[in-house]
PDB file of all heavy atoms in Angstrom:
ATOM      1  N   VAL A   1     100.294  72.362 110.597  1.00  0.00           N
ATOM      2  CA  VAL A   1     100.240  73.884 110.818  1.00  0.00           C
ATOM      3  C   VAL A   1     100.269  74.699 109.524  1.00  0.00           C
ATOM      4  O   VAL A   1     101.185  75.464 109.241  1.00  0.00           O
ATOM      5  CB  VAL A   1     101.413  74.279 111.821  1.00  0.00           C
ATOM      6  CG1 VAL A   1     101.103  73.915 113.226  1.00  0.00           C
ATOM      7  CG2 VAL A   1     102.791  73.843 111.364  1.00  0.00           C
ATOM      8  N   PRO A   2      99.233  74.515 108.683  1.00  0.00           N
ATOM      9  CA  PRO A   2      99.170  75.386 107.476  1.00  0.00           C
ATOM     10  C   PRO A   2      98.484  76.698 107.798  1.00  0.00           C
ATOM     11  O   PRO A   2      97.659  76.812 108.716  1.00  0.00           O
ATOM     12  CB  PRO A   2      98.225  74.444 106.547  1.00  0.00           C
ATOM     13  CG  PRO A   2      97.406  73.790 107.521  1.00  0.00           C
ATOM     14  CD  PRO A   2      98.141  73.535 108.783  1.00  0.00           C
ATOM     15  N   MET A   3      98.835  77.682 106.970  1.00  0.00           N
ATOM     16  CA  MET A   3      98.134  78.944 106.967  1.00  0.00           C
ATOM     17  C   MET A   3      96.864  78.886 106.143  1.00  0.00           C
ATOM     18  O   MET A   3      96.733  78.107 105.192  1.00  0.00           O
ATOM     19  CB  MET A   3      99.112  79.984 106.390  1.00  0.00           C
ATOM     20  CG  MET A   3      98.534  81.356 106.143  1.00  0.00           C
ATOM     21  SD  MET A   3      99.797  82.514 105.451  1.00  0.00           S
ATOM     22  CE  MET A   3      99.943  81.870 103.714  1.00  0.00           C
ATOM     23  N   ALA A   4      95.915  79.709 106.563  1.00  0.00           N
ATOM     24  CA  ALA A   4      94.649  79.842 105.754  1.00  0.00           C
ATOM     25  C   ALA A   4      94.557  81.140 105.066  1.00  0.00           C
ATOM     26  O   ALA A   4      94.577  81.242 103.799  1.00  0.00           O
ATOM     27  CB  ALA A   4      93.490  79.614 106.650  1.00  0.00           C
ATOM     28  N   ASP A   5      94.504  82.226 105.850  1.00  0.00           N
ATOM     29  CA  ASP A   5      94.374  83.595 105.294  1.00  0.00           C
ATOM     30  C   ASP A   5      95.591  84.434 105.598  1.00  0.00           C
ATOM     31  O   ASP A   5      95.892  84.729 106.756  1.00  0.00           O
ATOM     32  CB  ASP A   5      93.144  84.206 105.984  1.00  0.00           C
ATOM     33  CG  ASP A   5      92.745  85.619 105.413  1.00  0.00           C
ATOM     34  OD1 ASP A   5      93.624  86.309 105.019  1.00  0.00           O
ATOM     35  OD2 ASP A   5      91.608  85.872 105.366  1.00  0.00           O
ATOM     36  N   ALA A   6      96.466  84.628 104.560  1.00  0.00           N
ATOM     37  CA  ALA A   6      97.704  85.314 104.751  1.00  0.00           C
ATOM     38  C   ALA A   6      97.514  86.617 105.488  1.00  0.00           C
ATOM     39  O   ALA A   6      98.282  86.961 106.405  1.00  0.00           O
ATOM     40  CB  ALA A   6      98.336  85.492 103.485  1.00  0.00           C
ATOM     41  N   TYR A   7      96.545  87.402 105.060  1.00  0.00           N
ATOM     42  CA  TYR A   7      96.384  88.712 105.675  1.00  0.00           C
ATOM     43  C   TYR A   7      95.978  88.687 107.107  1.00  0.00           C
ATOM     44  O   TYR A   7      96.594  89.241 108.014  1.00  0.00           O
ATOM     45  CB  TYR A   7      95.380  89.556 104.844  1.00  0.00           C
ATOM     46  CG  TYR A   7      95.375  91.041 105.187  1.00  0.00           C
ATOM     47  CD1 TYR A   7      96.052  91.956 104.459  1.00  0.00           C
ATOM     48  CD2 TYR A   7      94.658  91.510 106.292  1.00  0.00           C
ATOM     49  CE1 TYR A   7      96.050  93.302 104.729  1.00  0.00           C
ATOM     50  CE2 TYR A   7      94.606  92.820 106.653  1.00  0.00           C
ATOM     51  CZ  TYR A   7      95.292  93.731 105.847  1.00  0.00           C
ATOM     52  OH  TYR A   7      95.349  95.101 106.205  1.00  0.00           O
ATOM     53  N   ARG A   8      94.878  87.950 107.398  1.00  0.00           N
ATOM     54  CA  ARG A   8      94.265  88.012 108.713  1.00  0.00           C
ATOM     55  C   ARG A   8      94.966  87.035 109.711  1.00  0.00           C
ATOM     56  O   ARG A   8      95.001  87.308 110.937  1.00  0.00           O
ATOM     57  CB  ARG A   8      92.839  87.612 108.619  1.00  0.00           C
ATOM     58  CG  ARG A   8      92.001  88.715 107.985  1.00  0.00           C
ATOM     59  CD  ARG A   8      90.609  88.249 107.448  1.00  0.00           C
ATOM     60  NE  ARG A   8      89.990  89.345 106.754  1.00  0.00           N
ATOM     61  CZ  ARG A   8      90.282  89.664 105.541  1.00  0.00           C
ATOM     62  NH1 ARG A   8      91.211  89.006 104.909  1.00  0.00           N
ATOM     63  NH2 ARG A   8      89.702  90.765 104.986  1.00  0.00           N
ATOM     64  N   ASP A   9      95.483  85.964 109.264  1.00  0.00           N
ATOM     65  CA  ASP A   9      96.110  84.973 110.180  1.00  0.00           C
ATOM     66  C   ASP A   9      97.437  85.507 110.700  1.00  0.00           C
ATOM     67  O   ASP A   9      97.732  85.215 111.878  1.00  0.00           O
ATOM     68  CB  ASP A   9      96.422  83.606 109.374  1.00  0.00           C
ATOM     69  CG  ASP A   9      95.192  82.793 109.167  1.00  0.00           C
ATOM     70  OD1 ASP A   9      94.045  83.213 109.487  1.00  0.00           O
ATOM     71  OD2 ASP A   9      95.292  81.636 108.661  1.00  0.00           O
ATOM     72  N   ILE A  10      98.261  86.127 109.887  1.00  0.00           N
ATOM     73  CA  ILE A  10      99.650  86.290 110.215  1.00  0.00           C
ATOM     74  C   ILE A  10     100.179  87.656 109.789  1.00  0.00           C
ATOM     75  O   ILE A  10     100.790  88.295 110.650  1.00  0.00           O
ATOM     76  CB  ILE A  10     100.484  85.141 109.656  1.00  0.00           C
ATOM     77  CG1 ILE A  10     101.976  85.242 109.969  1.00  0.00           C
ATOM     78  CG2 ILE A  10     100.296  85.090 108.054  1.00  0.00           C
ATOM     79  CD1 ILE A  10     102.222  84.958 111.399  1.00  0.00           C
ATOM     80  N   VAL A  11     100.031  88.115 108.567  1.00  0.00           N
ATOM     81  CA  VAL A  11     100.759  89.245 108.093  1.00  0.00           C
ATOM     82  C   VAL A  11     100.279  90.582 108.639  1.00  0.00           C
ATOM     83  O   VAL A  11     101.020  91.487 109.082  1.00  0.00           O
ATOM     84  CB  VAL A  11     100.763  89.313 106.538  1.00  0.00           C
ATOM     85  CG1 VAL A  11     101.641  90.495 106.071  1.00  0.00           C
ATOM     86  CG2 VAL A  11     101.353  88.021 105.958  1.00  0.00           C
ATOM     87  N   PHE A  12      98.896  90.726 108.769  1.00  0.00           N
ATOM     88  CA  PHE A  12      98.256  91.897 109.164  1.00  0.00           C
ATOM     89  C   PHE A  12      97.181  91.675 110.152  1.00  0.00           C
ATOM     90  O   PHE A  12      96.018  92.149 109.970  1.00  0.00           O
ATOM     91  CB  PHE A  12      97.738  92.696 107.872  1.00  0.00           C
ATOM     92  CG  PHE A  12      98.732  93.478 107.177  1.00  0.00           C
ATOM     93  CD1 PHE A  12      99.246  93.021 106.053  1.00  0.00           C
ATOM     94  CD2 PHE A  12      99.104  94.750 107.641  1.00  0.00           C
ATOM     95  CE1 PHE A  12     100.218  93.760 105.342  1.00  0.00           C
ATOM     96  CE2 PHE A  12     100.085  95.460 106.845  1.00  0.00           C
ATOM     97  CZ  PHE A  12     100.561  94.981 105.731  1.00  0.00           C
ATOM     98  N   THR A  13      97.445  91.027 111.233  1.00  0.00           N
ATOM     99  CA  THR A  13      96.405  90.737 112.213  1.00  0.00           C
ATOM    100  C   THR A  13      95.812  92.116 112.697  1.00  0.00           C
ATOM    101  O   THR A  13      96.559  93.005 113.161  1.00  0.00           O
ATOM    102  CB  THR A  13      96.985  90.034 113.397  1.00  0.00           C
ATOM    103  OG1 THR A  13      97.541  88.811 112.938  1.00  0.00           O
ATOM    104  CG2 THR A  13      95.873  89.685 114.397  1.00  0.00           C
ATOM    105  N   GLY A  14      94.526  92.271 112.599  1.00  0.00           N
ATOM    106  CA  GLY A  14      93.900  93.504 113.072  1.00  0.00           C
ATOM    107  C   GLY A  14      94.275  94.663 112.208  1.00  0.00           C
ATOM    108  O   GLY A  14      94.058  95.829 112.686  1.00  0.00           O
ATOM    109  N   GLY A  15      94.800  94.514 111.030  1.00  0.00           N
ATOM    110  CA  GLY A  15      95.269  95.602 110.188  1.00  0.00           C
ATOM    111  C   GLY A  15      96.712  96.132 110.655  1.00  0.00           C
ATOM    112  O   GLY A  15      97.088  97.189 110.164  1.00  0.00           O
ATOM    113  N   GLN A  16      97.471  95.332 111.405  1.00  0.00           N
ATOM    114  CA  GLN A  16      98.772  95.811 111.823  1.00  0.00           C
ATOM    115  C   GLN A  16      99.827  94.774 111.299  1.00  0.00           C
ATOM    116  O   GLN A  16      99.613  93.562 111.316  1.00  0.00           O
ATOM    117  CB  GLN A  16      98.812  95.908 113.288  1.00  0.00           C
ATOM    118  CG  GLN A  16      97.759  96.890 113.798  1.00  0.00           C
ATOM    119  CD  GLN A  16      97.969  97.233 115.345  1.00  0.00           C
ATOM    120  OE1 GLN A  16      99.002  96.978 115.888  1.00  0.00           O
ATOM    121  NE2 GLN A  16      96.918  97.817 115.855  1.00  0.00           N
ATOM    122  N   VAL A  17     101.006  95.334 110.999  1.00  0.00           N
ATOM    123  CA  VAL A  17     102.073  94.460 110.484  1.00  0.00           C
ATOM    124  C   VAL A  17     102.682  93.580 111.504  1.00  0.00           C
ATOM    125  O   VAL A  17     103.028  94.057 112.615  1.00  0.00           O
ATOM    126  CB  VAL A  17     103.232  95.372 109.840  1.00  0.00           C
ATOM    127  CG1 VAL A  17     104.344  94.423 109.193  1.00  0.00           C
ATOM    128  CG2 VAL A  17     102.677  96.338 108.789  1.00  0.00           C
ATOM    129  N   ASN A  18     102.818  92.267 111.238  1.00  0.00           N
ATOM    130  CA  ASN A  18     103.468  91.397 112.229  1.00  0.00           C
ATOM    131  C   ASN A  18     104.924  91.479 112.129  1.00  0.00           C
ATOM    132  O   ASN A  18     105.579  90.833 111.252  1.00  0.00           O
ATOM    133  CB  ASN A  18     103.058  89.956 111.886  1.00  0.00           C
ATOM    134  CG  ASN A  18     103.422  88.938 112.960  1.00  0.00           C
ATOM    135  OD1 ASN A  18     104.512  89.073 113.545  1.00  0.00           O
ATOM    136  ND2 ASN A  18     102.665  87.988 113.190  1.00  0.00           N
ATOM    137  N   VAL A  19     105.561  92.380 112.943  1.00  0.00           N
ATOM    138  CA  VAL A  19     106.929  92.616 112.833  1.00  0.00           C
ATOM    139  C   VAL A  19     107.757  91.581 113.616  1.00  0.00           C
ATOM    140  O   VAL A  19     108.995  91.589 113.678  1.00  0.00           O
ATOM    141  CB  VAL A  19     107.283  93.989 113.342  1.00  0.00           C
ATOM    142  CG1 VAL A  19     106.734  95.095 112.489  1.00  0.00           C
ATOM    143  CG2 VAL A  19     106.779  94.264 114.806  1.00  0.00           C
ATOM    144  N   GLY A  20     107.095  90.698 114.348  1.00  0.00           N
ATOM    145  CA  GLY A  20     107.752  89.557 115.042  1.00  0.00           C
ATOM    146  C   GLY A  20     108.101  88.388 114.059  1.00  0.00           C
ATOM    147  O   GLY A  20     109.226  87.964 114.004  1.00  0.00           O
ATOM    148  N   PHE A  21     107.125  87.953 113.271  1.00  0.00           N
ATOM    149  CA  PHE A  21     107.326  86.794 112.489  1.00  0.00           C
ATOM    150  C   PHE A  21     107.845  87.071 111.030  1.00  0.00           C
ATOM    151  O   PHE A  21     108.730  86.351 110.493  1.00  0.00           O
ATOM    152  CB  PHE A  21     106.080  85.932 112.436  1.00  0.00           C
ATOM    153  CG  PHE A  21     106.211  84.717 111.557  1.00  0.00           C
ATOM    154  CD1 PHE A  21     106.989  83.678 111.968  1.00  0.00           C
ATOM    155  CD2 PHE A  21     105.594  84.645 110.323  1.00  0.00           C
ATOM    156  CE1 PHE A  21     107.104  82.538 111.139  1.00  0.00           C
ATOM    157  CE2 PHE A  21     105.715  83.522 109.492  1.00  0.00           C
ATOM    158  CZ  PHE A  21     106.512  82.479 109.908  1.00  0.00           C
ATOM    159  N   ILE A  22     107.239  88.058 110.370  1.00  0.00           N
ATOM    160  CA  ILE A  22     107.453  88.221 108.899  1.00  0.00           C
ATOM    161  C   ILE A  22     108.989  88.513 108.634  1.00  0.00           C
ATOM    162  O   ILE A  22     109.465  87.769 107.780  1.00  0.00           O
ATOM    163  CB  ILE A  22     106.593  89.314 108.390  1.00  0.00           C
ATOM    164  CG1 ILE A  22     105.086  88.934 108.526  1.00  0.00           C
ATOM    165  CG2 ILE A  22     106.855  89.541 106.899  1.00  0.00           C
ATOM    166  CD1 ILE A  22     104.784  87.592 107.856  1.00  0.00           C
ATOM    167  N   PRO A  23     109.699  89.404 109.257  1.00  0.00           N
ATOM    168  CA  PRO A  23     111.115  89.545 108.973  1.00  0.00           C
ATOM    169  C   PRO A  23     111.829  88.336 109.216  1.00  0.00           C
ATOM    170  O   PRO A  23     112.782  87.917 108.552  1.00  0.00           O
ATOM    171  CB  PRO A  23     111.514  90.732 109.870  1.00  0.00           C
ATOM    172  CG  PRO A  23     110.274  91.449 110.244  1.00  0.00           C
ATOM    173  CD  PRO A  23     109.175  90.447 110.269  1.00  0.00           C
ATOM    174  N   LEU A  24     111.501  87.549 110.376  1.00  0.00           N
ATOM    175  CA  LEU A  24     112.237  86.304 110.679  1.00  0.00           C
ATOM    176  C   LEU A  24     111.999  85.283 109.603  1.00  0.00           C
ATOM    177  O   LEU A  24     112.945  84.625 109.111  1.00  0.00           O
ATOM    178  CB  LEU A  24     111.674  85.842 112.021  1.00  0.00           C
ATOM    179  CG  LEU A  24     112.129  84.386 112.450  1.00  0.00           C
ATOM    180  CD1 LEU A  24     113.672  84.517 112.870  1.00  0.00           C
ATOM    181  CD2 LEU A  24     111.286  83.958 113.702  1.00  0.00           C
ATOM    182  N   TRP A  25     110.763  85.214 109.004  1.00  0.00           N
ATOM    183  CA  TRP A  25     110.488  84.217 107.965  1.00  0.00           C
ATOM    184  C   TRP A  25     111.214  84.576 106.749  1.00  0.00           C
ATOM    185  O   TRP A  25     111.828  83.674 106.071  1.00  0.00           O
ATOM    186  CB  TRP A  25     108.950  84.216 107.831  1.00  0.00           C
ATOM    187  CG  TRP A  25     108.466  83.205 106.864  1.00  0.00           C
ATOM    188  CD1 TRP A  25     108.735  81.846 106.779  1.00  0.00           C
ATOM    189  CD2 TRP A  25     107.597  83.504 105.685  1.00  0.00           C
ATOM    190  NE1 TRP A  25     108.117  81.230 105.670  1.00  0.00           N
ATOM    191  CE2 TRP A  25     107.395  82.237 105.095  1.00  0.00           C
ATOM    192  CE3 TRP A  25     106.916  84.564 105.229  1.00  0.00           C
ATOM    193  CZ2 TRP A  25     106.591  82.052 103.878  1.00  0.00           C
ATOM    194  CZ3 TRP A  25     106.142  84.468 104.170  1.00  0.00           C
ATOM    195  CH2 TRP A  25     105.981  83.243 103.470  1.00  0.00           C
TER     196      TRP A  25
END
């Protein structure tokens, strides 16, 4: 389960902040 694109995969999907995972991480 590696990440590829930090922005599009997880941090800013669709241009929006992932407030579910990023603070948890």
